[in-house]
């Protein structure tokens, strides 16, 4: 939805102001956008003012919402399995995977700030209609897969905290209502919504830090695990899982849109550059915090279950019970500490999933629906299949683990359809202007993307080779693989050769739209 006249007047007044810092940055809680005036130079980077803690605070928010995808129940399950099966040996990989995720998210933020449009909108303009629809379907499938895991994670947490009174299906219904909480909070401004996510992240940090303190992992082994790379054939599957769950396709679309909650005029290079600087700091801090939280979970399960007979059977469903049996009650039962942290992870990630779904649908299809309608549609995509799963498999841990494997495969398949368009777009001068990435960063970004896609390709190959049974299934998988690879080649070739961006000059001179 476009800005109201009041918002436009306020934005322009603050952006053009040459007054003191109080006039350069302001937030009106009655509006749905943070208005930030940055710098006095319209065209030169050298005109940007020095670092300001106050301005950094005003830019703080989008990066922490983005970091939720690094802390969702799927990631937590990957963490606990890596710790239980591989011990401390994969902590170095967790750190570098987070660094790779940070690079991708910074590129997404760069795209959103420099163009005033998010990734789904730019894909709609870049590719023909048929390719846009394919990309949209792939993005929706990735989002549905992630959302099912997140909703199931929340439902498991509610079952733990209710001592089994609430079955999975009732937890799914309760979790489904969070989209209405999201709509309610959004009416009071984006900063209120960001504050809620800050509370949820803090809840996770406190819960898992408490578990870390209760279990007392070995500090020396922890440091060795971070600093000394180790990888064996026995832990290769967990290593692939650690890297594979860090890059979430829907999160790339989300971050490119979230950065537009701060009204930055893309016509003024100094202001765009300083916004990118602040977003880089904020996103880095957010992902350092997410790394520490993931590290807590991995080391807790490494300390408690590495080398035990339970190591190969542990998952989200039974992790809390195993912790309780291992460490007992104490002042506050560790089972409930785990449940609280898992609930915070599930609730926060389902809300960001709803948020991402609105941008994906609106951007690819150019839809202008009311907020409640878009939230209802995007929420239904995940809730309906999740409810079916919860009703059928409520008491079957093995079946839920198999389902989780299929959902991980589903998301791994979609990763190229977010990374390739992103890298092609941020490399184009017609799109980014002076903010296109340089040759060194471009090479590093493509190497990271290639590594992530190869690792996920290994996961897919390993999964389908173990699951492939029968000639018909094999033919279907082979046909799908051929089409899949052909579409990836098409995206890459078009990104290299296609440059028909006649209307991008106009779009760069337009105002950034307000997040509804």
Protein backbone atom coordinates (compact mmCIF):
# COMPACT_ATOMS: atom_id res chain seq x y z
CA UNK A 1 0.00 0.00 0.00
CA UNK A 2 1.37 3.43 -0.89
CA UNK A 3 2.17 6.00 1.75
CA UNK A 4 -0.56 8.32 2.90
CA UNK A 5 -0.20 12.04 2.19
CA UNK A 6 0.63 12.62 5.82
CA UNK A 7 3.43 10.04 5.73
CA UNK A 8 4.84 11.45 2.50
CA UNK A 9 4.92 15.00 3.85
CA UNK A 10 6.52 13.90 7.11
CA UNK A 11 9.11 11.75 5.31
CA UNK A 12 10.11 14.51 2.89
CA UNK A 13 10.32 17.11 5.65
CA UNK A 14 12.64 14.93 7.71
CA UNK A 15 14.71 13.71 4.79
CA UNK A 16 15.36 17.23 3.55
CA UNK A 17 15.99 18.70 6.98
CA UNK A 18 19.40 20.29 7.64
CA UNK A 19 18.71 20.63 11.36
CA UNK A 20 20.19 18.86 14.33
CA UNK A 21 20.12 15.15 15.06
CA UNK A 22 16.68 15.41 16.59
CA UNK A 23 15.37 16.45 13.20
CA UNK A 24 17.45 13.97 11.25
CA UNK A 25 15.84 10.89 12.73
CA UNK A 26 12.37 10.40 14.09
CA UNK A 27 9.80 7.77 14.71
CA UNK A 28 6.09 8.41 14.90
CA UNK A 29 4.45 5.52 16.75
CA UNK A 30 1.14 6.25 15.10
CA UNK A 31 2.62 5.41 11.69
CA UNK A 32 3.78 2.09 10.25
CA UNK A 33 7.20 3.24 9.07
CA UNK A 34 10.34 4.48 10.80
CA UNK A 35 11.35 7.73 9.16
CA UNK A 36 15.09 8.35 9.11
CA UNK A 37 16.86 11.35 7.62
CA UNK A 38 20.51 10.62 6.96
CA UNK A 39 23.31 12.78 5.74
CA UNK A 40 23.44 16.11 4.00
CA UNK A 41 24.92 14.98 0.71
CA UNK A 42 22.69 13.92 -2.12
CA UNK A 43 25.30 12.40 -4.37
CA UNK A 44 28.61 11.92 -2.55
CA UNK A 45 29.44 9.27 0.02
CA UNK A 46 31.94 11.63 1.65
CA UNK A 47 29.06 13.81 2.84
CA UNK A 48 27.71 11.15 5.20
CA UNK A 49 27.85 12.18 8.87
CA UNK A 50 29.88 10.24 11.45
CA UNK A 51 28.60 7.17 13.26
CA UNK A 52 25.65 7.78 15.58
CA UNK A 53 24.40 5.36 18.22
CA UNK A 54 21.00 7.00 18.02
CA UNK A 55 20.71 6.31 14.31
CA UNK A 56 21.95 2.75 14.79
CA UNK A 57 19.13 2.27 17.30
CA UNK A 58 16.60 3.57 14.76
CA UNK A 59 17.88 1.08 12.20
CA UNK A 60 17.83 -1.80 14.69
CA UNK A 61 14.99 -4.25 14.03
CA UNK A 62 14.98 -5.77 10.52
CA UNK A 63 18.16 -7.75 11.15
CA UNK A 64 16.74 -9.34 14.29
CA UNK A 65 13.54 -10.30 12.49
CA UNK A 66 15.73 -11.83 9.78
CA UNK A 67 17.80 -13.72 12.37
CA UNK A 68 14.70 -15.63 13.54
CA UNK A 69 15.11 -17.96 10.54
CA UNK A 70 18.48 -19.02 12.00
CA UNK A 71 16.73 -20.00 15.25
CA UNK A 72 13.60 -21.78 14.07
CA UNK A 73 12.70 -25.30 15.30
CA UNK A 74 14.27 -26.86 12.21
CA UNK A 75 17.61 -25.26 13.08
CA UNK A 76 17.28 -26.30 16.72
CA UNK A 77 16.70 -29.89 15.67
CA UNK A 78 19.77 -29.73 13.44
CA UNK A 79 21.75 -28.31 16.37
CA UNK A 80 20.74 -30.99 18.84
CA UNK A 81 21.37 -33.81 16.37
CA UNK A 82 24.77 -32.38 15.43
CA UNK A 83 25.70 -32.16 19.10
CA UNK A 84 24.40 -35.62 20.01
CA UNK A 85 26.02 -37.41 17.05
CA UNK A 86 29.13 -35.32 16.32
CA UNK A 87 29.82 -33.82 19.75
CA UNK A 88 31.71 -30.51 19.65
CA UNK A 89 33.41 -31.26 16.32
CA UNK A 90 31.01 -29.31 14.06
CA UNK A 91 30.97 -26.01 15.97
CA UNK A 92 33.48 -24.53 13.50
CA UNK A 93 31.12 -25.38 10.66
CA UNK A 94 28.19 -23.78 12.49
CA UNK A 95 30.23 -20.58 12.81
CA UNK A 96 31.25 -20.46 9.14
CA UNK A 97 27.76 -21.43 7.96
CA UNK A 98 26.39 -18.48 9.95
CA UNK A 99 29.00 -16.24 8.30
CA UNK A 100 27.87 -17.46 4.86
CA UNK A 101 24.27 -16.80 5.83
CA UNK A 102 25.24 -13.29 6.92
CA UNK A 103 26.80 -12.58 3.52
CA UNK A 104 23.63 -13.65 1.72
CA UNK A 105 21.41 -11.59 4.01
CA UNK A 106 23.58 -8.49 3.63
CA UNK A 107 23.22 -8.78 -0.14
CA UNK A 108 19.45 -9.04 0.28
CA UNK A 109 19.46 -5.90 2.43
CA UNK A 110 21.67 -4.13 -0.11
CA UNK A 111 19.20 -4.94 -2.88
CA UNK A 112 16.22 -3.64 -0.90
CA UNK A 113 17.83 -0.38 0.22
CA UNK A 114 19.49 0.54 -3.08
CA UNK A 115 16.44 -0.13 -5.29
CA UNK A 116 13.51 0.59 -2.99
CA UNK A 117 12.02 -2.76 -4.06
CA UNK A 118 12.23 -6.23 -2.59
CA UNK A 119 13.44 -9.38 -4.29
CA UNK A 120 10.03 -10.77 -5.29
CA UNK A 121 9.06 -7.50 -7.00
CA UNK A 122 12.33 -7.35 -8.91
CA UNK A 123 12.00 -10.98 -10.01
CA UNK A 124 8.57 -10.15 -11.44
CA UNK A 125 10.16 -7.39 -13.53
CA UNK A 126 13.28 -9.35 -14.51
CA UNK A 127 11.79 -12.62 -15.73
CA UNK A 128 8.99 -13.50 -18.16
CA UNK A 129 5.59 -14.43 -16.79
CA UNK A 130 6.11 -18.21 -16.89
CA UNK A 131 9.44 -18.00 -15.07
CA UNK A 132 7.97 -15.62 -12.49
CA UNK A 133 5.18 -18.09 -11.75
CA UNK A 134 7.68 -20.94 -11.37
CA UNK A 135 9.78 -18.87 -8.97
CA UNK A 136 6.66 -17.95 -7.01
CA UNK A 137 5.57 -21.59 -6.69
CA UNK A 138 9.06 -22.58 -5.55
CA UNK A 139 9.16 -19.77 -2.98
CA UNK A 140 5.72 -20.76 -1.67
CA UNK A 141 6.76 -24.43 -1.39
CA UNK A 142 9.87 -23.46 0.57
CA UNK A 143 7.79 -21.27 2.86
CA UNK A 144 5.19 -24.00 3.41
CA UNK A 145 7.91 -26.52 4.28
CA UNK A 146 9.52 -24.14 6.75
CA UNK A 147 6.17 -23.15 8.22
CA UNK A 148 5.11 -26.75 8.84
CA UNK A 149 8.32 -27.37 10.79
CA UNK A 150 7.84 -24.17 12.78
CA UNK A 151 4.19 -24.84 13.61
CA UNK A 152 4.95 -28.45 14.58
CA UNK A 153 7.80 -27.16 16.77
CA UNK A 154 5.43 -24.77 18.56
CA UNK A 155 2.85 -27.52 18.97
CA UNK A 156 5.49 -29.84 20.48
CA UNK A 157 6.51 -27.07 22.90
CA UNK A 158 2.91 -26.52 23.99
CA UNK A 159 2.51 -30.26 24.51
CA UNK A 160 5.63 -30.27 26.71
CA UNK A 161 4.58 -27.24 28.75
CA UNK A 162 1.05 -28.59 29.25
CA UNK A 163 2.50 -31.92 30.42
CA UNK A 164 0.82 -33.71 27.52
CA UNK A 165 -2.65 -32.23 28.06
CA UNK A 166 -2.56 -30.37 24.74
CA UNK A 167 -2.20 -32.77 21.77
CA UNK A 168 -0.33 -31.65 18.65
CA UNK A 169 -3.47 -30.70 16.74
CA UNK A 170 -4.59 -28.27 19.45
CA UNK A 171 -1.10 -26.75 19.53
CA UNK A 172 -1.34 -26.24 15.77
CA UNK A 173 -4.62 -24.33 16.20
CA UNK A 174 -3.17 -22.14 18.93
CA UNK A 175 -0.10 -21.40 16.83
CA UNK A 176 -2.28 -20.56 13.83
CA UNK A 177 -3.77 -17.68 15.80
CA UNK A 178 -0.45 -15.86 15.92
CA UNK A 179 -1.15 -14.30 12.52
CA UNK A 180 -3.93 -12.30 14.16
CA UNK A 181 -1.55 -11.21 16.91
CA UNK A 182 0.81 -10.13 14.16
CA UNK A 183 -1.91 -8.07 12.47
CA UNK A 184 -2.88 -6.50 15.79
CA UNK A 185 0.70 -5.50 16.62
CA UNK A 186 1.40 -4.18 13.14
CA UNK A 187 -1.40 -1.66 13.54
CA UNK A 188 0.63 -0.02 16.29
CA UNK A 189 3.75 0.41 14.17
CA UNK A 190 6.69 -1.68 13.04
CA UNK A 191 8.73 -0.84 16.15
CA UNK A 192 6.16 -2.50 18.38
CA UNK A 193 6.39 -5.66 16.30
CA UNK A 194 10.18 -5.56 16.44
CA UNK A 195 10.04 -5.19 20.22
CA UNK A 196 8.00 -8.39 20.47
CA UNK A 197 10.61 -10.27 18.45
CA UNK A 198 13.34 -8.86 20.70
CA UNK A 199 11.50 -10.33 23.70
CA UNK A 200 11.18 -13.72 21.97
CA UNK A 201 14.88 -13.79 21.04
CA UNK A 202 15.78 -12.82 24.61
CA UNK A 203 13.56 -15.67 25.87
CA UNK A 204 15.43 -18.14 23.68
CA UNK A 205 18.79 -16.77 24.78
CA UNK A 206 17.91 -16.99 28.49
CA UNK A 207 16.36 -20.46 28.20
CA UNK A 208 19.21 -22.07 26.29
CA UNK A 209 21.86 -20.21 28.33
CA UNK A 210 20.18 -21.62 31.45
CA UNK A 211 20.41 -25.12 29.96
CA UNK A 212 24.06 -24.43 29.10
CA UNK A 213 24.73 -23.46 32.71
CA UNK A 214 22.85 -26.49 34.07
CA UNK A 215 24.71 -29.03 31.91
CA UNK A 216 28.17 -27.37 32.16
CA UNK A 217 29.70 -28.33 28.78
CA UNK A 218 33.48 -28.66 28.54
CA UNK A 219 34.92 -25.19 27.77
CA UNK A 220 38.18 -26.44 26.28
CA UNK A 221 36.44 -28.87 23.94
CA UNK A 222 34.04 -26.09 22.97
CA UNK A 223 36.90 -23.78 21.95
CA UNK A 224 38.66 -26.57 20.06
CA UNK A 225 35.40 -27.35 18.25
CA UNK A 226 35.10 -23.71 17.13
CA UNK A 227 38.75 -23.17 16.14
CA UNK A 228 39.85 -26.56 14.77
CA UNK A 229 38.00 -27.87 11.68
CA UNK A 230 37.15 -31.57 11.93
CA UNK A 231 35.03 -33.67 9.61
CA UNK A 232 34.64 -37.42 9.34
CA UNK A 233 32.57 -39.75 7.21
CA UNK A 234 30.50 -40.59 10.30
CA UNK A 235 29.37 -36.98 10.77
CA UNK A 236 29.01 -35.91 7.13
CA UNK A 237 25.20 -36.03 7.22
CA UNK A 238 25.06 -33.78 10.27
CA UNK A 239 27.57 -31.42 8.65
CA UNK A 240 25.39 -31.14 5.56
CA UNK A 241 22.40 -30.47 7.80
CA UNK A 242 24.21 -27.68 9.66
CA UNK A 243 24.97 -25.82 6.43
CA UNK A 244 21.71 -26.67 4.69
CA UNK A 245 19.42 -25.25 7.37
CA UNK A 246 21.22 -21.90 7.62
CA UNK A 247 20.16 -20.53 4.20
CA UNK A 248 16.36 -20.26 4.23
CA UNK A 249 14.93 -19.25 0.82
CA UNK A 250 11.98 -17.28 2.21
CA UNK A 251 14.32 -15.36 4.52
CA UNK A 252 16.19 -13.88 1.55
CA UNK A 253 12.91 -12.45 0.20
CA UNK A 254 11.93 -11.28 3.69
CA UNK A 255 15.09 -9.32 4.50
CA UNK A 256 15.07 -7.43 1.21
CA UNK A 257 11.60 -6.16 2.17
CA UNK A 258 12.14 -5.56 5.90
CA UNK A 259 14.87 -2.97 5.30
CA UNK A 260 12.29 -0.78 3.59
CA UNK A 261 10.54 -0.15 6.90
CA UNK A 262 13.01 2.72 7.23
CA UNK A 263 12.20 5.44 4.74
CA UNK A 264 15.45 5.99 2.85
CA UNK A 265 15.44 8.03 -0.35
CA UNK A 266 17.27 5.83 -2.93
CA UNK A 267 18.06 8.93 -5.01
CA UNK A 268 20.60 10.12 -2.43
CA UNK A 269 23.71 7.98 -2.46
CA UNK A 270 25.10 9.23 0.84
CA UNK A 271 21.93 8.30 2.66
CA UNK A 272 21.73 4.88 1.00
CA UNK A 273 25.37 4.13 1.87
CA UNK A 274 24.96 5.07 5.50
CA UNK A 275 21.76 3.01 5.73
CA UNK A 276 23.71 0.03 4.36
CA UNK A 277 26.43 0.62 6.95
CA UNK A 278 23.95 0.62 9.83
CA UNK A 279 22.08 -2.40 8.50
CA UNK A 280 25.38 -4.27 8.16
CA UNK A 281 26.24 -3.60 11.80
CA UNK A 282 22.76 -4.53 13.00
CA UNK A 283 22.55 -7.73 10.96
CA UNK A 284 26.03 -8.82 12.08
CA UNK A 285 25.14 -8.34 15.76
CA UNK A 286 21.85 -10.20 15.27
CA UNK A 287 23.53 -13.20 13.66
CA UNK A 288 26.30 -13.29 16.27
CA UNK A 289 23.54 -13.61 18.88
CA UNK A 290 21.84 -16.34 16.83
CA UNK A 291 25.17 -18.19 16.54
CA UNK A 292 25.63 -18.08 20.31
CA UNK A 293 22.11 -19.44 20.87
CA UNK A 294 22.69 -22.26 18.36
CA UNK A 295 26.03 -22.96 20.03
CA UNK A 296 24.28 -23.29 23.42
CA UNK A 297 21.90 -25.92 22.01
CA UNK A 298 24.62 -27.89 20.22
CA UNK A 299 26.95 -28.01 23.21
CA UNK A 300 24.17 -28.97 25.66
CA UNK A 301 23.34 -32.05 23.62
CA UNK A 302 27.01 -32.76 22.90
CA UNK A 303 27.67 -32.81 26.63
CA UNK A 304 24.64 -34.91 27.48
CA UNK A 305 24.27 -37.41 24.64
CA UNK A 306 27.43 -37.67 22.52
CA UNK A 307 28.52 -41.30 22.48
CA UNK A 308 25.32 -42.57 24.15
CA UNK A 309 22.77 -45.01 22.77
CA UNK A 310 20.17 -42.22 22.55
CA UNK A 311 22.33 -40.11 20.21
CA UNK A 312 20.94 -41.50 16.95
CA UNK A 313 17.29 -41.37 18.03
CA UNK A 314 17.03 -37.90 19.51
CA UNK A 315 14.77 -35.27 17.90
CA UNK A 316 12.46 -32.40 18.80
CA UNK A 317 9.70 -34.72 20.01
CA UNK A 318 11.76 -36.59 22.59
CA UNK A 319 14.64 -34.16 23.28
CA UNK A 320 12.96 -32.61 26.32
CA UNK A 321 12.26 -35.99 27.90
CA UNK A 322 15.84 -37.16 27.32
CA UNK A 323 17.13 -33.96 28.95
CA UNK A 324 14.83 -34.49 31.93
CA UNK A 325 15.97 -38.08 32.40
CA UNK A 326 19.62 -37.04 32.11
CA UNK A 327 19.64 -33.96 34.34
CA UNK A 328 16.53 -34.30 36.49
CA UNK A 329 14.42 -31.53 37.96
CA UNK A 330 16.57 -29.04 39.84
CA UNK A 331 15.19 -25.65 40.79
CA UNK A 332 13.26 -25.50 37.54
CA UNK A 333 12.88 -28.71 35.48
CA UNK A 334 15.08 -28.62 32.39
CA UNK A 335 12.22 -30.13 30.40
CA UNK A 336 10.22 -26.93 30.81
CA UNK A 337 13.21 -24.70 30.13
CA UNK A 338 13.61 -26.53 26.82
CA UNK A 339 9.87 -26.17 26.15
CA UNK A 340 9.92 -22.41 26.76
CA UNK A 341 12.88 -21.90 24.41
CA UNK A 342 11.31 -24.11 21.75
CA UNK A 343 7.98 -22.26 22.03
CA UNK A 344 9.70 -18.88 21.61
CA UNK A 345 11.52 -20.22 18.53
CA UNK A 346 8.35 -21.65 17.02
CA UNK A 347 6.14 -18.64 17.67
CA UNK A 348 8.63 -16.07 16.39
CA UNK A 349 9.44 -18.05 13.24
CA UNK A 350 5.78 -18.66 12.36
CA UNK A 351 5.06 -14.94 12.58
CA UNK A 352 8.03 -14.08 10.34
CA UNK A 353 6.85 -16.83 7.99
CA UNK A 354 3.48 -15.09 7.72
CA UNK A 355 5.30 -11.82 7.10
CA UNK A 356 7.48 -13.37 4.36
CA UNK A 357 4.44 -14.99 2.74
CA UNK A 358 2.77 -11.62 2.28
CA UNK A 359 5.80 -10.17 0.53
CA UNK A 360 6.30 -13.24 -1.65
CA UNK A 361 2.68 -13.36 -2.79
CA UNK A 362 2.32 -9.61 -3.25
CA UNK A 363 5.67 -9.22 -5.01
CA UNK A 364 5.47 -12.08 -7.49
CA UNK A 365 1.76 -11.72 -8.31
CA UNK A 366 1.48 -7.94 -7.84
CA UNK A 367 -1.54 -8.45 -5.60
CA UNK A 368 -3.03 -5.67 -3.51
CA UNK A 369 -5.11 -7.48 -0.92
CA UNK A 370 -6.06 -6.37 2.55
CA UNK A 371 -3.63 -7.40 5.28
CA UNK A 372 -5.98 -9.83 7.00
CA UNK A 373 -6.79 -11.52 3.69
CA UNK A 374 -3.15 -11.98 2.74
CA UNK A 375 -2.31 -13.27 6.21
CA UNK A 376 -5.23 -15.70 6.09
CA UNK A 377 -4.19 -17.05 2.68
CA UNK A 378 -0.49 -17.43 3.51
CA UNK A 379 -1.28 -18.92 6.92
CA UNK A 380 -3.72 -21.44 5.42
CA UNK A 381 -1.05 -22.73 3.02
CA UNK A 382 0.86 -24.10 6.01
CA UNK A 383 -1.81 -24.67 8.65
CA UNK A 384 -4.02 -27.00 6.58
CA UNK A 385 -1.28 -29.58 5.78
CA UNK A 386 0.17 -29.18 9.28
CA UNK A 387 -3.19 -29.95 10.87
CA UNK A 388 -3.44 -33.12 8.76
CA UNK A 389 0.03 -34.14 9.91
CA UNK A 390 -0.79 -33.43 13.56
CA UNK A 391 -4.03 -35.43 13.47
CA UNK A 392 -2.47 -38.42 11.76
CA UNK A 393 0.95 -38.56 13.41
CA UNK A 394 0.33 -37.11 16.88
CA UNK A 395 1.92 -40.02 18.72
CA UNK A 396 4.37 -41.25 16.08
CA UNK A 397 7.88 -39.89 16.69
CA UNK A 398 9.41 -41.92 13.87
CA UNK A 399 6.90 -40.64 11.34
CA UNK A 400 7.47 -37.03 12.39
CA UNK A 401 11.23 -37.51 11.95
CA UNK A 402 10.68 -38.89 8.44
CA UNK A 403 8.39 -35.96 7.66
CA UNK A 404 11.08 -33.56 8.86
CA UNK A 405 13.59 -35.16 6.48
CA UNK A 406 11.22 -34.66 3.55
CA UNK A 407 10.62 -31.04 4.56
CA UNK A 408 14.37 -30.40 4.72
CA UNK A 409 14.68 -31.82 1.22
CA UNK A 410 11.81 -29.62 0.02
CA UNK A 411 13.57 -26.48 1.28
CA UNK A 412 16.95 -27.56 -0.05
CA UNK A 413 15.46 -27.86 -3.54
CA UNK A 414 14.30 -24.24 -3.42
CA UNK A 415 17.59 -22.61 -2.37
CA UNK A 416 18.90 -21.88 -5.92
CA UNK A 417 15.66 -20.06 -6.79
CA UNK A 418 16.36 -17.44 -4.14
CA UNK A 419 20.16 -17.24 -4.35
CA UNK A 420 20.60 -17.07 -8.13
CA UNK A 421 18.14 -14.19 -8.76
CA UNK A 422 19.60 -12.32 -5.77
CA UNK A 423 23.20 -12.59 -6.98
CA UNK A 424 22.27 -11.73 -10.56
CA UNK A 425 20.36 -8.63 -9.47
CA UNK A 426 22.96 -7.21 -7.04
CA UNK A 427 25.61 -7.60 -9.77
CA UNK A 428 23.73 -5.44 -12.31
CA UNK A 429 24.48 -1.77 -12.67
CA UNK A 430 21.09 -1.26 -14.35
CA UNK A 431 19.46 -2.37 -11.09
CA UNK A 432 21.88 -1.26 -8.37
CA UNK A 433 23.58 1.73 -9.93
CA UNK A 434 26.77 2.57 -8.02
CA UNK A 435 25.79 0.05 -5.33
CA UNK A 436 26.33 -3.03 -7.47
CA UNK A 437 28.78 -5.46 -5.88
CA UNK A 438 32.39 -5.40 -7.02
CA UNK A 439 34.24 -8.27 -8.73
CA UNK A 440 35.83 -9.64 -5.53
CA UNK A 441 32.59 -9.66 -3.54
CA UNK A 442 30.81 -11.06 -6.56
CA UNK A 443 33.27 -13.94 -6.80
CA UNK A 444 33.02 -14.68 -3.08
CA UNK A 445 29.21 -14.55 -3.18
CA UNK A 446 29.01 -16.96 -6.11
CA UNK A 447 31.47 -19.32 -4.45
CA UNK A 448 29.36 -19.32 -1.28
CA UNK A 449 26.19 -19.88 -3.31
CA UNK A 450 27.85 -22.70 -5.27
CA UNK A 451 29.07 -24.33 -2.04
CA UNK A 452 25.63 -24.15 -0.46
CA UNK A 453 23.97 -25.56 -3.58
CA UNK A 454 26.53 -28.38 -3.88
CA UNK A 455 26.08 -29.31 -0.22
CA UNK A 456 22.31 -29.34 -0.60
CA UNK A 457 22.70 -31.28 -3.83
CA UNK A 458 24.59 -33.92 -1.88
CA UNK A 459 21.75 -34.01 0.64
CA UNK A 460 19.21 -34.49 -2.15
CA UNK A 461 21.28 -37.18 -3.86
CA UNK A 462 21.79 -39.07 -0.62
CA UNK A 463 18.12 -38.81 0.30
CA UNK A 464 16.68 -39.89 -3.05
CA UNK A 465 19.20 -42.69 -3.52
CA UNK A 466 18.07 -44.19 -0.22
CA UNK A 467 14.37 -43.58 -0.91
CA UNK A 468 14.28 -44.47 -4.61
CA UNK A 469 12.36 -47.69 -5.11
CA UNK A 470 10.83 -48.88 -8.33
CA UNK A 471 11.23 -47.92 -11.97
CA UNK A 472 8.34 -45.45 -12.02
CA UNK A 473 9.64 -43.48 -9.05
CA UNK A 474 13.11 -43.45 -10.55
CA UNK A 475 11.79 -42.11 -13.87
CA UNK A 476 9.82 -39.38 -12.12
CA UNK A 477 12.83 -38.28 -10.09
CA UNK A 478 15.05 -38.29 -13.19
CA UNK A 479 12.56 -36.20 -15.18
CA UNK A 480 12.19 -33.74 -12.32
CA UNK A 481 15.98 -33.48 -11.96
CA UNK A 482 16.40 -32.73 -15.66
CA UNK A 483 13.81 -29.94 -15.55
CA UNK A 484 15.24 -28.63 -12.28
CA UNK A 485 18.78 -28.36 -13.63
CA UNK A 486 17.55 -26.82 -16.90
CA UNK A 487 15.68 -24.08 -15.01
CA UNK A 488 18.73 -23.30 -12.87
CA UNK A 489 20.85 -22.97 -16.03
CA UNK A 490 18.19 -20.68 -17.51
CA UNK A 491 18.23 -18.42 -14.43
CA UNK A 492 22.01 -18.13 -14.49
CA UNK A 493 22.25 -17.51 -18.24
CA UNK A 494 19.48 -14.93 -18.18
CA UNK A 495 21.10 -13.18 -15.24
CA UNK A 496 24.34 -12.89 -17.20
CA UNK A 497 22.95 -11.81 -20.56
CA UNK A 498 19.60 -10.14 -19.93
CA UNK A 499 19.62 -6.40 -19.23
CA UNK A 500 16.24 -5.04 -20.25
CA UNK A 501 15.64 -2.74 -17.31
CA UNK A 502 14.08 0.25 -19.02
CA UNK A 503 11.91 1.21 -16.10
CA UNK A 504 14.50 0.79 -13.33
CA UNK A 505 15.71 4.39 -13.64
CA UNK A 506 12.18 5.51 -12.86
CA UNK A 507 11.87 3.08 -9.95
CA UNK A 508 15.12 4.33 -8.38
CA UNK A 509 13.73 7.84 -8.28
CA UNK A 510 10.50 6.79 -6.62
CA UNK A 511 9.81 6.83 -2.89
CA UNK A 512 10.18 3.62 -0.89
CA UNK A 513 6.76 2.15 -0.17
CA UNK A 514 5.61 1.69 3.39
CA UNK A 515 5.31 -1.82 4.78
CA UNK A 516 1.66 -2.30 5.52
